[in-house]
PDB file of N, CA and C in Angstrom:
ATOM      1  N   MET A   1       1.148  -0.788  -0.235  1.00  0.00           N
ATOM      2  CA  MET A   1      -0.366  -0.001  -0.308  1.00  0.00           C
ATOM      3  C   MET A   1       0.948   1.151  -0.035  1.00  0.00           C
ATOM      4  N   GLU A   2       1.693   1.226   0.647  1.00  0.00           N
ATOM      5  CA  GLU A   2       2.977   2.670   0.897  1.00  0.00           C
ATOM      6  C   GLU A   2       3.841   2.404  -0.140  1.00  0.00           C
ATOM      7  N   ILE A   3       3.741   1.663  -1.087  1.00  0.00           N
ATOM      8  CA  ILE A   3       4.052   1.801  -2.745  1.00  0.00           C
ATOM      9  C   ILE A   3       3.584   1.902  -2.972  1.00  0.00           C
ATOM     10  N   GLU A   4       2.847   1.824  -3.734  1.00  0.00           N
ATOM     11  CA  GLU A   4       1.591   2.244  -4.391  1.00  0.00           C
ATOM     12  C   GLU A   4       1.249   3.558  -4.273  1.00  0.00           C
ATOM     13  N   PHE A   5       0.949   4.108  -2.459  1.00  0.00           N
ATOM     14  CA  PHE A   5       1.261   5.775  -2.837  1.00  0.00           C
ATOM     15  C   PHE A   5       1.997   6.397  -2.920  1.00  0.00           C
ATOM     16  N   GLN A   6       3.219   5.689  -2.612  1.00  0.00           N
ATOM     17  CA  GLN A   6       4.485   6.398  -2.875  1.00  0.00           C
ATOM     18  C   GLN A   6       4.460   7.230  -4.435  1.00  0.00           C
ATOM     19  N   LYS A   7       4.061   6.003  -4.928  1.00  0.00           N
ATOM     20  CA  LYS A   7       3.849   6.094  -6.550  1.00  0.00           C
ATOM     21  C   LYS A   7       3.259   7.038  -7.296  1.00  0.00           C
ATOM     22  N   LYS A   8       1.955   7.052  -6.248  1.00  0.00           N
ATOM     23  CA  LYS A   8       1.397   7.863  -7.141  1.00  0.00           C
ATOM     24  C   LYS A   8       1.630   9.671  -6.698  1.00  0.00           C
ATOM     25  N   TRP A   9       2.378   9.358  -5.995  1.00  0.00           N
ATOM     26  CA  TRP A   9       2.971  11.036  -4.625  1.00  0.00           C
ATOM     27  C   TRP A   9       3.759  11.052  -5.726  1.00  0.00           C
ATOM     28  N   ASP A  10       5.002  11.048  -6.478  1.00  0.00           N
ATOM     29  CA  ASP A  10       5.902  11.010  -7.284  1.00  0.00           C
ATOM     30  C   ASP A  10       5.485  10.822  -8.291  1.00  0.00           C
ATOM     31  N   GLN A  11       4.436  10.548  -9.077  1.00  0.00           N
ATOM     32  CA  GLN A  11       3.429  11.072 -10.362  1.00  0.00           C
ATOM     33  C   GLN A  11       2.584  12.304 -10.103  1.00  0.00           C
ATOM     34  N   LEU A  12       2.280  11.738  -8.666  1.00  0.00           N
ATOM     35  CA  LEU A  12       1.997  13.780  -8.753  1.00  0.00           C
ATOM     36  C   LEU A  12       2.567  15.269  -8.876  1.00  0.00           C
ATOM     37  N   ALA A  13       3.837  15.029  -8.344  1.00  0.00           N
ATOM     38  CA  ALA A  13       4.988  16.119  -8.516  1.00  0.00           C
ATOM     39  C   ALA A  13       5.335  15.535  -9.448  1.00  0.00           C
ATOM     40  N   ILE A  14       5.931  15.158 -10.267  1.00  0.00           N
ATOM     41  CA  ILE A  14       6.999  14.785 -11.853  1.00  0.00           C
ATOM     42  C   ILE A  14       5.262  15.657 -12.221  1.00  0.00           C
ATOM     43  N   GLN A  15       4.115  15.980 -12.866  1.00  0.00           N
ATOM     44  CA  GLN A  15       3.258  16.667 -13.172  1.00  0.00           C
ATOM     45  C   GLN A  15       3.105  17.841 -13.064  1.00  0.00           C
ATOM     46  N   ILE A  16       3.342  18.194 -11.504  1.00  0.00           N
ATOM     47  CA  ILE A  16       3.118  19.863 -10.790  1.00  0.00           C
ATOM     48  C   ILE A  16       3.757  20.233 -11.429  1.00  0.00           C
ATOM     49  N   ASN A  17       5.035  20.051 -11.196  1.00  0.00           N
ATOM     50  CA  ASN A  17       7.088  20.519 -11.151  1.00  0.00           C
ATOM     51  C   ASN A  17       6.755  20.791 -12.758  1.00  0.00           C
ATOM     52  N   LYS A  18       6.693  19.495 -13.340  1.00  0.00           N
ATOM     53  CA  LYS A  18       6.104  20.453 -14.522  1.00  0.00           C
ATOM     54  C   LYS A  18       4.892  21.721 -14.996  1.00  0.00           C
ATOM     55  N   ARG A  19       4.282  21.544 -14.828  1.00  0.00           N
ATOM     56  CA  ARG A  19       3.030  22.318 -14.478  1.00  0.00           C
ATOM     57  C   ARG A  19       3.778  23.999 -14.978  1.00  0.00           C
ATOM     58  N   PHE A  20       4.671  24.150 -13.095  1.00  0.00           N
ATOM     59  CA  PHE A  20       4.924  24.646 -12.648  1.00  0.00           C
ATOM     60  C   PHE A  20       6.555  25.642 -12.752  1.00  0.00           C
ATOM     61  N   ASN A  21       6.927  24.322 -13.690  1.00  0.00           N
ATOM     62  CA  ASN A  21       8.718  24.548 -13.849  1.00  0.00           C
ATOM     63  C   ASN A  21       9.179  24.738 -12.790  1.00  0.00           C
ATOM     64  N   ASP A  22       9.020  23.899 -11.701  1.00  0.00           N
ATOM     65  CA  ASP A  22       9.447  25.115 -10.336  1.00  0.00           C
ATOM     66  C   ASP A  22       9.522  22.978 -10.034  1.00  0.00           C
ATOM     67  N   GLU A  23      10.228  23.117  -8.717  1.00  0.00           N
ATOM     68  CA  GLU A  23       9.595  21.756  -8.063  1.00  0.00           C
ATOM     69  C   GLU A  23       9.404  22.230  -6.338  1.00  0.00           C
ATOM     70  N   LEU A  24       7.830  21.848  -6.829  1.00  0.00           N
ATOM     71  CA  LEU A  24       7.303  22.484  -5.642  1.00  0.00           C
ATOM     72  C   LEU A  24       7.101  21.245  -4.256  1.00  0.00           C
ATOM     73  N   ASP A  25       7.701  22.048  -3.060  1.00  0.00           N
ATOM     74  CA  ASP A  25       7.399  20.746  -1.882  1.00  0.00           C
ATOM     75  C   ASP A  25       5.900  21.149  -1.162  1.00  0.00           C
ATOM     76  N   VAL A  26       5.867  20.311   0.180  1.00  0.00           N
ATOM     77  CA  VAL A  26       3.995  20.635   0.620  1.00  0.00           C
ATOM     78  C   VAL A  26       4.156  21.531   0.382  1.00  0.00           C
ATOM     79  N   GLU A  27       4.677  22.312   1.127  1.00  0.00           N
ATOM     80  CA  GLU A  27       3.451  24.198   1.281  1.00  0.00           C
ATOM     81  C   GLU A  27       3.769  24.770   0.193  1.00  0.00           C
ATOM     82  N   SER A  28       3.992  24.305  -0.672  1.00  0.00           N
ATOM     83  CA  SER A  28       4.088  24.937  -1.874  1.00  0.00           C
ATOM     84  C   SER A  28       2.348  24.108  -3.165  1.00  0.00           C
ATOM     85  N   MET A  29       2.230  23.082  -2.525  1.00  0.00           N
ATOM     86  CA  MET A  29       1.709  22.550  -3.349  1.00  0.00           C
ATOM     87  C   MET A  29       0.184  22.770  -2.770  1.00  0.00           C
ATOM     88  N   LEU A  30      -0.038  22.947  -1.195  1.00  0.00           N
ATOM     89  CA  LEU A  30      -0.731  23.728  -0.417  1.00  0.00           C
ATOM     90  C   LEU A  30      -0.938  25.191  -0.865  1.00  0.00           C
ATOM     91  N   PHE A  31       0.047  26.176  -0.965  1.00  0.00           N
ATOM     92  CA  PHE A  31      -0.391  27.246  -1.659  1.00  0.00           C
ATOM     93  C   PHE A  31      -1.183  27.094  -2.686  1.00  0.00           C
ATOM     94  N   VAL A  32      -1.004  26.677  -3.975  1.00  0.00           N
ATOM     95  CA  VAL A  32      -1.888  25.597  -5.114  1.00  0.00           C
ATOM     96  C   VAL A  32      -2.693  26.422  -5.154  1.00  0.00           C
ATOM     97  N   ILE A  33      -2.879  24.558  -4.269  1.00  0.00           N
ATOM     98  CA  ILE A  33      -4.496  23.637  -3.678  1.00  0.00           C
ATOM     99  C   ILE A  33      -5.783  25.500  -2.505  1.00  0.00           C
ATOM    100  N   GLY A  34      -4.819  26.338  -2.288  1.00  0.00           N
ATOM    101  CA  GLY A  34      -5.508  27.461  -1.201  1.00  0.00           C
ATOM    102  C   GLY A  34      -5.870  28.490  -2.689  1.00  0.00           C
ATOM    103  N   MET A  35      -5.353  28.038  -3.718  1.00  0.00           N
ATOM    104  CA  MET A  35      -5.105  29.887  -4.231  1.00  0.00           C
ATOM    105  C   MET A  35      -6.160  29.233  -5.478  1.00  0.00           C
ATOM    106  N   GLN A  36      -6.605  28.031  -5.929  1.00  0.00           N
ATOM    107  CA  GLN A  36      -7.641  27.187  -7.000  1.00  0.00           C
ATOM    108  C   GLN A  36      -8.639  27.096  -5.466  1.00  0.00           C
ATOM    109  N   GLU A  37      -8.768  27.060  -4.012  1.00  0.00           N
ATOM    110  CA  GLU A  37     -10.208  27.175  -3.838  1.00  0.00           C
ATOM    111  C   GLU A  37     -10.468  28.249  -2.917  1.00  0.00           C
ATOM    112  N   LEU A  38      -9.350  29.136  -3.394  1.00  0.00           N
ATOM    113  CA  LEU A  38      -9.551  30.756  -3.241  1.00  0.00           C
ATOM    114  C   LEU A  38     -10.722  31.341  -4.558  1.00  0.00           C
ATOM    115  N   GLY A  39      -9.939  30.915  -4.762  1.00  0.00           N
ATOM    116  CA  GLY A  39     -10.489  31.624  -6.441  1.00  0.00           C
ATOM    117  C   GLY A  39     -10.567  32.463  -6.932  1.00  0.00           C
ATOM    118  N   GLN A  40      -9.891  33.133  -7.034  1.00  0.00           N
ATOM    119  CA  GLN A  40     -10.046  34.685  -7.220  1.00  0.00           C
ATOM    120  C   GLN A  40      -8.247  35.208  -7.202  1.00  0.00           C
ATOM    121  N   VAL A  41      -7.555  36.294  -8.292  1.00  0.00           N
ATOM    122  CA  VAL A  41      -6.682  36.740  -8.426  1.00  0.00           C
ATOM    123  C   VAL A  41      -6.451  37.498  -7.737  1.00  0.00           C
ATOM    124  N   VAL A  42      -5.158  37.506  -7.173  1.00  0.00           N
ATOM    125  CA  VAL A  42      -4.286  38.786  -6.083  1.00  0.00           C
ATOM    126  C   VAL A  42      -3.654  38.145  -6.150  1.00  0.00           C
ATOM    127  N   ASP A  43      -2.843  39.778  -6.246  1.00  0.00           N
ATOM    128  CA  ASP A  43      -1.650  40.275  -6.864  1.00  0.00           C
ATOM    129  C   ASP A  43      -0.310  39.948  -5.374  1.00  0.00           C
ATOM    130  N   LYS A  44      -0.887  40.572  -4.504  1.00  0.00           N
ATOM    131  CA  LYS A  44       0.587  40.703  -3.615  1.00  0.00           C
ATOM    132  C   LYS A  44      -1.035  40.331  -2.521  1.00  0.00           C
ATOM    133  N   PHE A  45       0.165  39.266  -1.597  1.00  0.00           N
ATOM    134  CA  PHE A  45      -0.099  38.498  -0.579  1.00  0.00           C
ATOM    135  C   PHE A  45       0.775  39.334   0.433  1.00  0.00           C
ATOM    136  N   THR A  46      -0.022  39.857   2.024  1.00  0.00           N
ATOM    137  CA  THR A  46       1.375  39.667   3.151  1.00  0.00           C
ATOM    138  C   THR A  46       1.043  38.334   3.891  1.00  0.00           C
ATOM    139  N   LYS A  47       1.897  38.402   4.408  1.00  0.00           N
ATOM    140  CA  LYS A  47       2.380  36.980   5.080  1.00  0.00           C
ATOM    141  C   LYS A  47       1.335  36.542   5.566  1.00  0.00           C
ATOM    142  N   ASP A  48       0.546  37.519   6.286  1.00  0.00           N
ATOM    143  CA  ASP A  48      -0.215  36.063   7.308  1.00  0.00           C
ATOM    144  C   ASP A  48      -2.096  35.937   6.209  1.00  0.00           C
ATOM    145  N   GLN A  49      -2.026  36.180   5.393  1.00  0.00           N
ATOM    146  CA  GLN A  49      -3.051  36.280   3.843  1.00  0.00           C
ATOM    147  C   GLN A  49      -2.405  34.126   3.282  1.00  0.00           C
ATOM    148  N   LYS A  50      -0.947  34.629   2.923  1.00  0.00           N
ATOM    149  CA  LYS A  50       0.089  33.394   2.366  1.00  0.00           C
ATOM    150  C   LYS A  50      -0.311  32.744   3.626  1.00  0.00           C
ATOM    151  N   LEU A  51      -0.284  32.849   5.142  1.00  0.00           N
ATOM    152  CA  LEU A  51      -0.689  31.400   5.896  1.00  0.00           C
ATOM    153  C   LEU A  51      -2.444  31.100   6.040  1.00  0.00           C
ATOM    154  N   GLU A  52      -3.420  32.719   5.129  1.00  0.00           N
ATOM    155  CA  GLU A  52      -4.230  31.666   5.569  1.00  0.00           C
ATOM    156  C   GLU A  52      -5.336  31.728   4.364  1.00  0.00           C
ATOM    157  N   VAL A  53      -4.554  31.249   3.065  1.00  0.00           N
ATOM    158  CA  VAL A  53      -4.168  30.813   1.850  1.00  0.00           C
ATOM    159  C   VAL A  53      -3.920  28.850   2.477  1.00  0.00           C
ATOM    160  N   ILE A  54      -2.704  29.022   2.919  1.00  0.00           N
ATOM    161  CA  ILE A  54      -2.749  28.100   2.424  1.00  0.00           C
ATOM    162  C   ILE A  54      -3.953  27.053   4.280  1.00  0.00           C
ATOM    163  N   HIS A  55      -4.210  28.589   5.577  1.00  0.00           N
ATOM    164  CA  HIS A  55      -5.408  27.266   6.430  1.00  0.00           C
ATOM    165  C   HIS A  55      -6.031  26.732   4.854  1.00  0.00           C
ATOM    166  N   VAL A  56      -6.508  27.747   4.134  1.00  0.00           N
ATOM    167  CA  VAL A  56      -7.602  27.557   3.364  1.00  0.00           C
ATOM    168  C   VAL A  56      -7.895  26.316   2.554  1.00  0.00           C
ATOM    169  N   ALA A  57      -6.300  25.510   1.353  1.00  0.00           N
ATOM    170  CA  ALA A  57      -5.680  24.799   1.486  1.00  0.00           C
ATOM    171  C   ALA A  57      -5.684  23.012   2.300  1.00  0.00           C
ATOM    172  N   VAL A  58      -5.161  23.172   3.877  1.00  0.00           N
ATOM    173  CA  VAL A  58      -5.667  22.143   5.249  1.00  0.00           C
ATOM    174  C   VAL A  58      -6.790  22.068   4.753  1.00  0.00           C
ATOM    175  N   CYS A  59      -7.757  22.975   5.554  1.00  0.00           N
ATOM    176  CA  CYS A  59      -8.964  22.731   5.857  1.00  0.00           C
ATOM    177  C   CYS A  59     -10.281  21.676   4.097  1.00  0.00           C
ATOM    178  N   ALA A  60     -10.003  21.990   3.314  1.00  0.00           N
ATOM    179  CA  ALA A  60     -10.055  21.853   1.848  1.00  0.00           C
ATOM    180  C   ALA A  60      -9.983  20.354   1.660  1.00  0.00           C
ATOM    181  N   ILE A  61      -8.789  19.914   1.426  1.00  0.00           N
ATOM    182  CA  ILE A  61      -7.841  18.554   1.824  1.00  0.00           C
ATOM    183  C   ILE A  61      -8.189  17.826   2.742  1.00  0.00           C
ATOM    184  N   LEU A  62      -8.538  18.229   2.763  1.00  0.00           N
ATOM    185  CA  LEU A  62      -9.080  17.330   5.094  1.00  0.00           C
ATOM    186  C   LEU A  62     -10.356  17.167   5.357  1.00  0.00           C
ATOM    187  N   GLU A  63     -11.109  18.023   4.400  1.00  0.00           N
ATOM    188  CA  GLU A  63     -12.752  17.526   4.632  1.00  0.00           C
ATOM    189  C   GLU A  63     -13.353  16.720   4.267  1.00  0.00           C
ATOM    190  N   PRO A  64     -12.323  15.645   2.629  1.00  0.00           N
ATOM    191  CA  PRO A  64     -13.128  14.728   2.739  1.00  0.00           C
ATOM    192  C   PRO A  64     -12.807  13.338   3.922  1.00  0.00           C
ATOM    193  N   PHE A  65     -11.413  13.364   4.804  1.00  0.00           N
ATOM    194  CA  PHE A  65     -11.876  12.908   6.063  1.00  0.00           C
ATOM    195  C   PHE A  65     -12.199  13.419   7.021  1.00  0.00           C
ATOM    196  N   GLY A  66     -13.393  13.950   6.654  1.00  0.00           N
ATOM    197  CA  GLY A  66     -14.105  14.659   7.965  1.00  0.00           C
ATOM    198  C   GLY A  66     -13.843  14.984   9.245  1.00  0.00           C
ATOM    199  N   PHE A  67     -12.763  15.860   8.776  1.00  0.00           N
ATOM    200  CA  PHE A  67     -12.268  16.799  10.418  1.00  0.00           C
ATOM    201  C   PHE A  67     -12.663  18.762   9.951  1.00  0.00           C
ATOM    202  N   TYR A  68     -13.020  18.527   8.472  1.00  0.00           N
ATOM    203  CA  TYR A  68     -13.716  20.434   8.590  1.00  0.00           C
ATOM    204  C   TYR A  68     -15.150  20.800   7.672  1.00  0.00           C
ATOM    205  N   GLU A  69     -15.780  21.411   7.848  1.00  0.00           N
ATOM    206  CA  GLU A  69     -17.470  21.143   7.447  1.00  0.00           C
ATOM    207  C   GLU A  69     -16.496  22.179   5.897  1.00  0.00           C
ATOM    208  N   TYR A  70     -17.054  22.710   4.527  1.00  0.00           N
ATOM    209  CA  TYR A  70     -17.108  23.980   4.346  1.00  0.00           C
ATOM    210  C   TYR A  70     -18.604  24.854   5.042  1.00  0.00           C
ATOM    211  N   GLU A  71     -18.345  25.503   4.960  1.00  0.00           N
ATOM    212  CA  GLU A  71     -19.393  26.411   5.772  1.00  0.00           C
ATOM    213  C   GLU A  71     -19.966  28.312   4.855  1.00  0.00           C
ATOM    214  N   GLY A  72     -19.333  28.003   3.767  1.00  0.00           N
ATOM    215  CA  GLY A  72     -18.906  29.035   2.692  1.00  0.00           C
ATOM    216  C   GLY A  72     -18.401  30.441   3.105  1.00  0.00           C
ATOM    217  N   ARG A  73     -18.850  31.292   2.240  1.00  0.00           N
ATOM    218  CA  ARG A  73     -17.782  32.778   2.059  1.00  0.00           C
ATOM    219  C   ARG A  73     -17.700  33.157   2.454  1.00  0.00           C
ATOM    220  N   ASP A  74     -17.027  33.953   3.386  1.00  0.00           N
ATOM    221  CA  ASP A  74     -17.280  35.777   3.909  1.00  0.00           C
ATOM    222  C   ASP A  74     -17.505  36.288   2.460  1.00  0.00           C
ATOM    223  N   LYS A  75     -18.010  37.855   3.310  1.00  0.00           N
ATOM    224  CA  LYS A  75     -18.396  38.940   2.565  1.00  0.00           C
ATOM    225  C   LYS A  75     -16.989  39.251   1.415  1.00  0.00           C
ATOM    226  N   ASP A  76     -14.687  39.156   2.043  1.00  0.00           N
ATOM    227  CA  ASP A  76     -14.704  38.747   1.074  1.00  0.00           C
ATOM    228  C   ASP A  76     -14.362  38.248  -0.505  1.00  0.00           C
ATOM    229  N   ALA A  77     -15.281  36.955   0.129  1.00  0.00           N
ATOM    230  CA  ALA A  77     -15.074  36.002  -0.930  1.00  0.00           C
ATOM    231  C   ALA A  77     -14.585  34.940  -0.288  1.00  0.00           C
ATOM    232  N   TRP A  78     -14.140  34.671   0.635  1.00  0.00           N
ATOM    233  CA  TRP A  78     -13.195  34.227   1.620  1.00  0.00           C
ATOM    234  C   TRP A  78     -13.656  32.174   1.564  1.00  0.00           C
ATOM    235  N   PRO A  79     -13.407  31.478   1.554  1.00  0.00           N
ATOM    236  CA  PRO A  79     -14.138  29.898   1.931  1.00  0.00           C
ATOM    237  C   PRO A  79     -13.689  30.037   3.281  1.00  0.00           C
ATOM    238  N   HIS A  80     -14.430  29.127   4.291  1.00  0.00           N
ATOM    239  CA  HIS A  80     -14.666  29.154   5.512  1.00  0.00           C
ATOM    240  C   HIS A  80     -14.793  27.882   5.600  1.00  0.00           C
ATOM    241  N   TRP A  81     -14.603  26.363   6.879  1.00  0.00           N
ATOM    242  CA  TRP A  81     -14.977  25.286   7.502  1.00  0.00           C
ATOM    243  C   TRP A  81     -14.813  25.567   8.979  1.00  0.00           C
ATOM    244  N   LYS A  82     -15.645  24.867   9.545  1.00  0.00           N
ATOM    245  CA  LYS A  82     -16.365  24.574  10.231  1.00  0.00           C
ATOM    246  C   LYS A  82     -16.063  23.192  11.169  1.00  0.00           C
ATOM    247  N   VAL A  83     -15.240  23.444  11.572  1.00  0.00           N
ATOM    248  CA  VAL A  83     -14.304  21.270  12.717  1.00  0.00           C
ATOM    249  C   VAL A  83     -14.956  20.938  12.938  1.00  0.00           C
ATOM    250  N   VAL A  84     -15.214  20.170  12.472  1.00  0.00           N
ATOM    251  CA  VAL A  84     -15.553  18.627  12.478  1.00  0.00           C
ATOM    252  C   VAL A  84     -15.469  18.275  13.593  1.00  0.00           C
ATOM    253  N   LYS A  85     -14.489  17.327  13.242  1.00  0.00           N
ATOM    254  CA  LYS A  85     -12.995  16.763  14.490  1.00  0.00           C
ATOM    255  C   LYS A  85     -12.166  17.066  14.937  1.00  0.00           C
ATOM    256  N   GLU A  86     -11.604  16.429  15.558  1.00  0.00           N
ATOM    257  CA  GLU A  86     -10.279  17.174  16.572  1.00  0.00           C
ATOM    258  C   GLU A  86      -8.893  16.161  15.186  1.00  0.00           C
ATOM    259  N   LEU A  87      -7.670  17.085  14.739  1.00  0.00           N
ATOM    260  CA  LEU A  87      -7.077  15.766  13.834  1.00  0.00           C
ATOM    261  C   LEU A  87      -6.196  15.166  15.476  1.00  0.00           C
ATOM    262  N   PRO A  88      -5.912  14.106  14.967  1.00  0.00           N
ATOM    263  CA  PRO A  88      -5.313  13.593  16.357  1.00  0.00           C
ATOM    264  C   PRO A  88      -3.607  14.592  16.608  1.00  0.00           C
ATOM    265  N   ARG A  89      -3.593  13.926  17.653  1.00  0.00           N
ATOM    266  CA  ARG A  89      -1.525  14.368  17.943  1.00  0.00           C
ATOM    267  C   ARG A  89      -1.446  13.328  16.897  1.00  0.00           C
ATOM    268  N   LEU A  90       0.211  13.839  16.136  1.00  0.00           N
ATOM    269  CA  LEU A  90       1.008  13.664  14.174  1.00  0.00           C
ATOM    270  C   LEU A  90       1.677  14.172  15.154  1.00  0.00           C
ATOM    271  N   ASN A  91       2.807  13.203  14.823  1.00  0.00           N
ATOM    272  CA  ASN A  91       4.333  13.504  14.997  1.00  0.00           C
ATOM    273  C   ASN A  91       4.057  14.451  13.170  1.00  0.00           C
ATOM    274  N   ASN A  92       5.365  15.259  12.953  1.00  0.00           N
ATOM    275  CA  ASN A  92       6.020  15.051  12.249  1.00  0.00           C
ATOM    276  C   ASN A  92       6.102  14.156  10.714  1.00  0.00           C
ATOM    277  N   ASP A  93       6.500  13.340  11.095  1.00  0.00           N
ATOM    278  CA  ASP A  93       6.175  11.795   9.311  1.00  0.00           C
ATOM    279  C   ASP A  93       4.901  11.958   9.418  1.00  0.00           C
ATOM    280  N   GLU A  94       3.776  11.327  10.845  1.00  0.00           N
ATOM    281  CA  GLU A  94       2.745  11.204  10.100  1.00  0.00           C
ATOM    282  C   GLU A  94       1.503  12.865   9.463  1.00  0.00           C
ATOM    283  N   GLN A  95       2.257  14.044  10.419  1.00  0.00           N
ATOM    284  CA  GLN A  95       1.864  14.873   9.782  1.00  0.00           C
ATOM    285  C   GLN A  95       1.719  15.082   8.243  1.00  0.00           C
ATOM    286  N   GLU A  96       3.545  15.020   7.867  1.00  0.00           N
ATOM    287  CA  GLU A  96       2.847  14.789   6.048  1.00  0.00           C
ATOM    288  C   GLU A  96       2.892  13.999   5.285  1.00  0.00           C
ATOM    289  N   GLN A  97       2.862  13.321   6.213  1.00  0.00           N
ATOM    290  CA  GLN A  97       1.588  11.564   5.453  1.00  0.00           C
ATOM    291  C   GLN A  97       0.367  12.724   4.926  1.00  0.00           C
ATOM    292  N   LEU A  98      -0.649  12.642   6.457  1.00  0.00           N
ATOM    293  CA  LEU A  98      -1.591  12.247   6.483  1.00  0.00           C
ATOM    294  C   LEU A  98      -1.724  14.665   5.008  1.00  0.00           C
ATOM    295  N   LEU A  99      -0.896  15.044   4.991  1.00  0.00           N
ATOM    296  CA  LEU A  99      -1.296  15.968   4.478  1.00  0.00           C
ATOM    297  C   LEU A  99      -0.882  15.827   2.992  1.00  0.00           C
ATOM    298  N   LYS A 100       0.409  15.223   2.367  1.00  0.00           N
ATOM    299  CA  LYS A 100       0.718  14.308   1.267  1.00  0.00           C
ATOM    300  C   LYS A 100      -1.456  13.397   0.709  1.00  0.00           C
ATOM    301  N   GLU A 101      -1.620  12.748   1.932  1.00  0.00           N
ATOM    302  CA  GLU A 101      -2.597  12.089   1.370  1.00  0.00           C
ATOM    303  C   GLU A 101      -4.453  12.262   0.410  1.00  0.00           C
ATOM    304  N   GLY A 102      -4.206  13.864   1.370  1.00  0.00           N
ATOM    305  CA  GLY A 102      -5.148  14.751   0.842  1.00  0.00           C
ATOM    306  C   GLY A 102      -4.683  15.466  -0.243  1.00  0.00           C
ATOM    307  N   ILE A 103      -3.296  15.881  -0.470  1.00  0.00           N
ATOM    308  CA  ILE A 103      -3.390  16.758  -1.003  1.00  0.00           C
ATOM    309  C   ILE A 103      -3.341  15.665  -2.366  1.00  0.00           C
ATOM    310  N   LEU A 104      -3.210  14.392  -2.579  1.00  0.00           N
ATOM    311  CA  LEU A 104      -2.865  13.751  -3.563  1.00  0.00           C
ATOM    312  C   LEU A 104      -4.270  13.019  -4.154  1.00  0.00           C
ATOM    313  N   GLU A 105      -4.950  12.588  -2.735  1.00  0.00           N
ATOM    314  CA  GLU A 105      -6.842  13.356  -2.982  1.00  0.00           C
ATOM    315  C   GLU A 105      -7.530  14.158  -4.304  1.00  0.00           C
ATOM    316  N   TYR A 106      -7.135  15.345  -3.737  1.00  0.00           N
ATOM    317  CA  TYR A 106      -6.900  16.545  -3.937  1.00  0.00           C
ATOM    318  C   TYR A 106      -7.598  17.133  -5.676  1.00  0.00           C
ATOM    319  N   PHE A 107      -6.061  16.443  -5.666  1.00  0.00           N
ATOM    320  CA  PHE A 107      -5.954  16.591  -6.836  1.00  0.00           C
ATOM    321  C   PHE A 107      -6.575  15.395  -8.241  1.00  0.00           C
ATOM    322  N   GLU A 108      -6.484  14.345  -7.760  1.00  0.00           N
ATOM    323  CA  GLU A 108      -7.262  12.953  -8.617  1.00  0.00           C
ATOM    324  C   GLU A 108      -7.936  13.086  -8.123  1.00  0.00           C
ATOM    325  N   SER A 109      -8.959  14.086  -7.721  1.00  0.00           N
ATOM    326  CA  SER A 109     -10.570  14.463  -7.152  1.00  0.00           C
ATOM    327  C   SER A 109     -10.921  15.694  -8.413  1.00  0.00           C
ATOM    328  N   SER A 110      -9.439  16.532  -8.394  1.00  0.00           N
ATOM    329  CA  SER A 110     -10.204  17.667  -9.003  1.00  0.00           C
ATOM    330  C   SER A 110     -10.176  18.255 -11.197  1.00  0.00           C
ATOM    331  N   PRO A 111     -11.705  19.129 -10.795  1.00  0.00           N
ATOM    332  CA  PRO A 111     -11.065  19.384 -12.508  1.00  0.00           C
ATOM    333  C   PRO A 111      -9.720  20.731 -12.752  1.00  0.00           C
ATOM    334  N   PHE A 112      -9.157  20.843 -12.028  1.00  0.00           N
ATOM    335  CA  PHE A 112      -7.744  21.307 -12.014  1.00  0.00           C
ATOM    336  C   PHE A 112      -7.155  20.004 -12.580  1.00  0.00           C
ATOM    337  N   MET A 113      -7.026  19.338 -11.898  1.00  0.00           N
ATOM    338  CA  MET A 113      -6.281  18.285 -12.569  1.00  0.00           C
ATOM    339  C   MET A 113      -5.699  17.765 -14.517  1.00  0.00           C
ATOM    340  N   ASN A 114      -7.061  17.907 -14.442  1.00  0.00           N
ATOM    341  CA  ASN A 114      -7.426  17.759 -15.964  1.00  0.00           C
ATOM    342  C   ASN A 114      -6.209  18.405 -16.638  1.00  0.00           C
ATOM    343  N   SER A 115      -5.985  20.158 -16.331  1.00  0.00           N
ATOM    344  CA  SER A 115      -4.981  20.910 -17.127  1.00  0.00           C
ATOM    345  C   SER A 115      -3.825  20.685 -17.031  1.00  0.00           C
ATOM    346  N   PHE A 116      -3.195  19.258 -15.871  1.00  0.00           N
ATOM    347  CA  PHE A 116      -2.167  18.732 -15.652  1.00  0.00           C
ATOM    348  C   PHE A 116      -2.308  17.786 -17.335  1.00  0.00           C
ATOM    349  N   THR A 117      -2.907  17.172 -17.462  1.00  0.00           N
ATOM    350  CA  THR A 117      -2.350  16.236 -18.078  1.00  0.00           C
ATOM    351  C   THR A 117      -1.939  16.711 -20.403  1.00  0.00           C
TER     352      THR A 117
END
């Protein structure tokens, strides 16, 4: 199972890196997902806004695992989720694995993925 996951992750990373002509790490992929979920063109973000974009991505990718539930958009059109169940305590490796699983599932189920092929 872990070997199959790693193959899928590596394939996704190759496609994303090719698309952006750069080697993106997990945090960068989260930023891409957050921008996709935000659905707005923003010329420049503050440091806090960049963290908010990453938070949007984390909520979006962990929603299918039952941790968050989408609530809607605020007056500035930013998406919001509510916590449905608390995340378990995870060490760094486990946390990265969960994020990677969420990222992989997000891209596999997203129409955005079609633009990579």
